[in-house]
């Protein structure tokens, strides 16, 4: 296990719903090739902060990597709706572009 994961877990102990730490853990597990843990942490990130738009994008990438394209598309659609709702045009553009690739 990486030092970054250990550091993020310690930070998370102090604040269990910290979306930044949850997202960081999801990214680390994705890099390590552990899609199930990555997906679990992306889900926790979205639950803690539904406006954390890039969590949807990267969750979809993990889903796509394990050949769950249907779930990836559904995740991107939710993320696009959220990005538009919070006025994050950059995230909306990137999510829409990835959605176009998958559909």
N, C-alpha and C. Protein backbone atom coordinates (compact mmCIF):
# COMPACT_ATOMS: atom_id res chain seq x y z
N UNK A 1 0.85 -1.18 0.00
CA UNK A 1 0.00 0.00 0.00
C UNK A 1 0.89 1.24 0.00
N UNK A 2 0.45 2.23 -0.71
CA UNK A 2 1.29 3.42 -0.87
C UNK A 2 1.23 4.35 0.33
N UNK A 3 2.25 5.18 0.45
CA UNK A 3 2.29 6.17 1.52
C UNK A 3 1.15 7.18 1.37
N UNK A 4 0.80 7.50 0.10
CA UNK A 4 -0.31 8.44 -0.13
C UNK A 4 -1.61 7.89 0.42
N UNK A 5 -1.84 6.60 0.23
CA UNK A 5 -3.06 5.99 0.75
C UNK A 5 -3.07 6.08 2.27
N UNK A 6 -1.95 5.77 2.88
CA UNK A 6 -1.85 5.87 4.34
C UNK A 6 -2.13 7.30 4.82
N UNK A 7 -1.55 8.27 4.15
CA UNK A 7 -1.76 9.67 4.53
C UNK A 7 -3.22 10.07 4.37
N UNK A 8 -3.82 9.68 3.26
CA UNK A 8 -5.22 10.04 3.02
C UNK A 8 -6.14 9.35 4.01
N UNK A 9 -5.85 8.12 4.35
CA UNK A 9 -6.67 7.42 5.35
C UNK A 9 -6.59 8.11 6.71
N UNK A 10 -5.41 8.57 7.09
CA UNK A 10 -5.26 9.27 8.37
C UNK A 10 -6.07 10.57 8.36
N UNK A 11 -6.01 11.30 7.26
CA UNK A 11 -6.79 12.52 7.14
C UNK A 11 -8.29 12.22 7.19
N UNK A 12 -8.67 11.12 6.61
CA UNK A 12 -10.07 10.73 6.56
C UNK A 12 -10.60 10.34 7.93
N UNK A 13 -9.73 9.81 8.78
CA UNK A 13 -10.13 9.46 10.14
C UNK A 13 -10.63 10.70 10.88
N UNK A 14 -9.98 11.82 10.64
CA UNK A 14 -10.37 13.06 11.31
C UNK A 14 -11.66 13.63 10.74
N UNK A 15 -11.87 13.42 9.45
CA UNK A 15 -13.07 13.95 8.80
C UNK A 15 -13.57 12.93 7.76
N UNK A 16 -14.41 11.98 8.19
CA UNK A 16 -14.81 10.86 7.34
C UNK A 16 -15.57 11.23 6.07
N UNK A 17 -16.13 12.40 6.00
CA UNK A 17 -16.87 12.81 4.80
C UNK A 17 -16.13 13.85 3.98
N UNK A 18 -14.83 13.90 4.10
CA UNK A 18 -14.02 14.86 3.35
C UNK A 18 -13.92 14.38 1.90
N UNK A 19 -14.65 15.06 1.02
CA UNK A 19 -14.72 14.64 -0.39
C UNK A 19 -13.34 14.64 -1.04
N UNK A 20 -12.48 15.58 -0.68
CA UNK A 20 -11.14 15.64 -1.27
C UNK A 20 -10.35 14.37 -0.94
N UNK A 21 -10.40 13.94 0.32
CA UNK A 21 -9.68 12.73 0.72
C UNK A 21 -10.30 11.49 0.09
N UNK A 22 -11.62 11.44 0.06
CA UNK A 22 -12.30 10.29 -0.55
C UNK A 22 -11.94 10.18 -2.03
N UNK A 23 -11.95 11.31 -2.72
CA UNK A 23 -11.60 11.35 -4.13
C UNK A 23 -10.14 10.93 -4.33
N UNK A 24 -9.27 11.43 -3.48
CA UNK A 24 -7.86 11.06 -3.55
C UNK A 24 -7.64 9.56 -3.38
N UNK A 25 -8.35 8.97 -2.43
CA UNK A 25 -8.25 7.52 -2.23
C UNK A 25 -8.78 6.77 -3.45
N UNK A 26 -9.89 7.23 -4.01
CA UNK A 26 -10.43 6.60 -5.21
C UNK A 26 -9.41 6.62 -6.33
N UNK A 27 -8.77 7.77 -6.52
CA UNK A 27 -7.76 7.90 -7.58
C UNK A 27 -6.56 6.98 -7.33
N UNK A 28 -6.14 6.91 -6.09
CA UNK A 28 -5.00 6.04 -5.76
C UNK A 28 -5.32 4.57 -6.03
N UNK A 29 -6.51 4.14 -5.63
CA UNK A 29 -6.89 2.75 -5.87
C UNK A 29 -7.06 2.48 -7.36
N UNK A 30 -7.54 3.46 -8.11
CA UNK A 30 -7.65 3.30 -9.56
C UNK A 30 -6.25 3.12 -10.15
N UNK A 31 -5.29 3.92 -9.70
CA UNK A 31 -3.92 3.80 -10.21
C UNK A 31 -3.31 2.45 -9.87
N UNK A 32 -3.69 1.91 -8.71
CA UNK A 32 -3.15 0.62 -8.28
C UNK A 32 -3.85 -0.55 -8.97
N UNK A 33 -4.87 -0.26 -9.76
CA UNK A 33 -5.58 -1.32 -10.46
C UNK A 33 -6.56 -2.08 -9.59
N UNK A 34 -7.14 -1.39 -8.60
CA UNK A 34 -8.15 -2.00 -7.73
C UNK A 34 -9.48 -1.30 -7.99
N UNK A 35 -10.19 -1.73 -9.05
CA UNK A 35 -11.40 -1.01 -9.43
C UNK A 35 -12.50 -1.04 -8.37
N UNK A 36 -12.63 -2.12 -7.64
CA UNK A 36 -13.71 -2.20 -6.66
C UNK A 36 -13.53 -1.17 -5.54
N UNK A 37 -12.30 -1.06 -5.04
CA UNK A 37 -12.04 -0.04 -3.99
C UNK A 37 -12.17 1.35 -4.58
N UNK A 38 -11.67 1.53 -5.80
CA UNK A 38 -11.79 2.84 -6.44
C UNK A 38 -13.25 3.24 -6.58
N UNK A 39 -14.07 2.33 -7.07
CA UNK A 39 -15.49 2.63 -7.24
C UNK A 39 -16.17 2.93 -5.91
N UNK A 40 -15.82 2.18 -4.88
CA UNK A 40 -16.41 2.42 -3.56
C UNK A 40 -16.07 3.83 -3.07
N UNK A 41 -14.82 4.26 -3.27
CA UNK A 41 -14.43 5.60 -2.83
C UNK A 41 -15.01 6.69 -3.72
N UNK A 42 -15.16 6.43 -5.02
CA UNK A 42 -15.85 7.41 -5.87
C UNK A 42 -17.30 7.56 -5.42
N UNK A 43 -17.94 6.43 -5.09
CA UNK A 43 -19.33 6.51 -4.60
C UNK A 43 -19.41 7.31 -3.30
N UNK A 44 -18.47 7.09 -2.42
CA UNK A 44 -18.46 7.85 -1.16
C UNK A 44 -18.20 9.33 -1.41
N UNK A 45 -17.35 9.64 -2.38
CA UNK A 45 -17.08 11.03 -2.74
C UNK A 45 -18.36 11.71 -3.20
N UNK A 46 -19.07 11.05 -4.11
CA UNK A 46 -20.31 11.61 -4.66
C UNK A 46 -21.37 11.75 -3.58
N UNK A 47 -21.44 10.79 -2.67
CA UNK A 47 -22.40 10.88 -1.57
C UNK A 47 -22.07 12.05 -0.64
N UNK A 48 -20.78 12.26 -0.40
CA UNK A 48 -20.35 13.34 0.49
C UNK A 48 -20.52 14.71 -0.15
N UNK A 49 -20.28 14.78 -1.47
CA UNK A 49 -20.38 16.05 -2.19
C UNK A 49 -20.81 15.78 -3.63
N UNK A 50 -22.12 15.77 -3.88
CA UNK A 50 -22.62 15.49 -5.23
C UNK A 50 -22.10 16.46 -6.29
N UNK A 51 -21.61 17.61 -5.89
CA UNK A 51 -21.09 18.60 -6.83
C UNK A 51 -19.62 18.35 -7.19
N UNK A 52 -19.03 17.30 -6.69
CA UNK A 52 -17.64 16.97 -7.00
C UNK A 52 -17.63 16.29 -8.37
N UNK A 53 -17.76 17.09 -9.41
CA UNK A 53 -18.06 16.62 -10.77
C UNK A 53 -17.05 15.65 -11.34
N UNK A 54 -15.78 15.84 -11.04
CA UNK A 54 -14.78 14.94 -11.63
C UNK A 54 -14.83 13.54 -11.04
N UNK A 55 -15.49 13.37 -9.91
CA UNK A 55 -15.67 12.03 -9.37
C UNK A 55 -16.51 11.18 -10.32
N UNK A 56 -17.50 11.81 -10.95
CA UNK A 56 -18.33 11.09 -11.91
C UNK A 56 -17.49 10.69 -13.13
N UNK A 57 -16.71 11.62 -13.61
CA UNK A 57 -15.87 11.38 -14.79
C UNK A 57 -14.93 10.20 -14.54
N UNK A 58 -14.21 10.24 -13.44
CA UNK A 58 -13.21 9.22 -13.17
C UNK A 58 -13.85 7.90 -12.74
N UNK A 59 -15.01 7.97 -12.09
CA UNK A 59 -15.74 6.73 -11.80
C UNK A 59 -16.12 6.06 -13.12
N UNK A 60 -16.58 6.84 -14.07
CA UNK A 60 -16.95 6.30 -15.38
C UNK A 60 -15.74 5.66 -16.07
N UNK A 61 -14.58 6.27 -15.93
CA UNK A 61 -13.36 5.69 -16.53
C UNK A 61 -13.07 4.31 -15.94
N UNK A 62 -13.23 4.19 -14.62
CA UNK A 62 -12.99 2.89 -13.99
C UNK A 62 -14.03 1.89 -14.48
N UNK A 63 -15.29 2.30 -14.51
CA UNK A 63 -16.34 1.40 -15.00
C UNK A 63 -16.07 0.96 -16.44
N UNK A 64 -15.66 1.90 -17.26
CA UNK A 64 -15.33 1.58 -18.65
C UNK A 64 -14.16 0.60 -18.72
N UNK A 65 -13.19 0.77 -17.84
CA UNK A 65 -12.01 -0.11 -17.85
C UNK A 65 -12.34 -1.55 -17.48
N UNK A 66 -13.45 -1.74 -16.76
CA UNK A 66 -13.87 -3.11 -16.40
C UNK A 66 -15.04 -3.56 -17.27
N UNK A 67 -15.20 -2.86 -18.41
CA UNK A 67 -16.20 -3.22 -19.43
C UNK A 67 -17.64 -3.11 -18.93
N UNK A 68 -17.90 -2.17 -18.05
CA UNK A 68 -19.27 -1.89 -17.62
C UNK A 68 -19.70 -0.56 -18.24
N UNK A 69 -19.80 -0.58 -19.56
CA UNK A 69 -20.08 0.64 -20.30
C UNK A 69 -21.44 1.24 -19.94
N UNK A 70 -22.43 0.40 -19.71
CA UNK A 70 -23.76 0.90 -19.34
C UNK A 70 -23.71 1.72 -18.07
N UNK A 71 -23.02 1.22 -17.07
CA UNK A 71 -22.89 1.96 -15.81
C UNK A 71 -22.05 3.21 -16.00
N UNK A 72 -21.04 3.13 -16.86
CA UNK A 72 -20.20 4.30 -17.14
C UNK A 72 -21.04 5.40 -17.77
N UNK A 73 -21.89 5.03 -18.74
CA UNK A 73 -22.75 6.02 -19.40
C UNK A 73 -23.72 6.64 -18.40
N UNK A 74 -24.33 5.80 -17.56
CA UNK A 74 -25.26 6.32 -16.54
C UNK A 74 -24.56 7.28 -15.59
N UNK A 75 -23.33 6.94 -15.20
CA UNK A 75 -22.55 7.80 -14.31
C UNK A 75 -22.24 9.13 -14.98
N UNK A 76 -21.85 9.09 -16.24
CA UNK A 76 -21.55 10.32 -16.97
C UNK A 76 -22.80 11.19 -17.12
N UNK A 77 -23.93 10.59 -17.36
CA UNK A 77 -25.17 11.37 -17.48
C UNK A 77 -25.49 12.07 -16.16
N UNK A 78 -25.32 11.36 -15.06
CA UNK A 78 -25.54 11.99 -13.74
C UNK A 78 -24.53 13.11 -13.50
N UNK A 79 -23.29 12.86 -13.86
CA UNK A 79 -22.25 13.87 -13.69
C UNK A 79 -22.49 15.09 -14.54
N UNK A 80 -22.95 14.88 -15.76
CA UNK A 80 -23.24 16.00 -16.66
C UNK A 80 -24.37 16.85 -16.10
N UNK A 81 -25.40 16.19 -15.61
CA UNK A 81 -26.52 16.92 -14.99
C UNK A 81 -26.04 17.74 -13.80
N UNK A 82 -25.20 17.13 -12.98
CA UNK A 82 -24.67 17.82 -11.80
C UNK A 82 -23.77 18.99 -12.19
N UNK A 83 -22.89 18.78 -13.17
CA UNK A 83 -21.98 19.84 -13.62
C UNK A 83 -22.76 21.03 -14.15
N UNK A 84 -23.79 20.75 -14.91
CA UNK A 84 -24.63 21.84 -15.43
C UNK A 84 -25.37 22.55 -14.31
N UNK A 85 -25.85 21.78 -13.34
CA UNK A 85 -26.59 22.36 -12.21
C UNK A 85 -25.71 23.29 -11.38
N UNK A 86 -24.42 22.94 -11.25
CA UNK A 86 -23.54 23.82 -10.46
C UNK A 86 -22.77 24.81 -11.30
N UNK A 87 -23.04 24.83 -12.58
CA UNK A 87 -22.42 25.83 -13.44
C UNK A 87 -20.96 25.57 -13.74
N UNK A 88 -20.53 24.34 -13.66
CA UNK A 88 -19.13 23.99 -13.95
C UNK A 88 -19.03 23.63 -15.44
N UNK A 89 -18.84 24.64 -16.27
CA UNK A 89 -18.82 24.45 -17.72
C UNK A 89 -17.67 23.57 -18.17
N UNK A 90 -16.52 23.69 -17.53
CA UNK A 90 -15.36 22.89 -17.91
C UNK A 90 -15.62 21.42 -17.66
N UNK A 91 -16.09 21.09 -16.47
CA UNK A 91 -16.40 19.70 -16.16
C UNK A 91 -17.51 19.18 -17.08
N UNK A 92 -18.53 20.00 -17.31
CA UNK A 92 -19.63 19.59 -18.20
C UNK A 92 -19.10 19.26 -19.59
N UNK A 93 -18.19 20.07 -20.09
CA UNK A 93 -17.62 19.84 -21.41
C UNK A 93 -16.84 18.53 -21.47
N UNK A 94 -16.01 18.29 -20.47
CA UNK A 94 -15.22 17.05 -20.46
C UNK A 94 -16.09 15.82 -20.28
N UNK A 95 -17.09 15.92 -19.42
CA UNK A 95 -18.00 14.80 -19.21
C UNK A 95 -18.80 14.52 -20.48
N UNK A 96 -19.30 15.57 -21.11
CA UNK A 96 -20.08 15.41 -22.35
C UNK A 96 -19.23 14.79 -23.45
N UNK A 97 -17.99 15.19 -23.55
CA UNK A 97 -17.08 14.64 -24.55
C UNK A 97 -16.87 13.14 -24.33
N UNK A 98 -16.64 12.75 -23.09
CA UNK A 98 -16.44 11.34 -22.77
C UNK A 98 -17.74 10.57 -23.02
N UNK A 99 -18.86 11.16 -22.67
CA UNK A 99 -20.16 10.52 -22.92
C UNK A 99 -20.35 10.27 -24.41
N UNK A 100 -19.97 11.25 -25.23
CA UNK A 100 -20.07 11.08 -26.68
C UNK A 100 -19.21 9.92 -27.18
N UNK A 101 -18.04 9.74 -26.58
CA UNK A 101 -17.16 8.63 -26.96
C UNK A 101 -17.80 7.28 -26.68
N UNK A 102 -18.55 7.21 -25.58
CA UNK A 102 -19.10 5.92 -25.15
C UNK A 102 -20.45 5.59 -25.77
N UNK A 103 -21.11 6.61 -26.31
CA UNK A 103 -22.46 6.35 -26.85
C UNK A 103 -22.48 6.44 -28.37
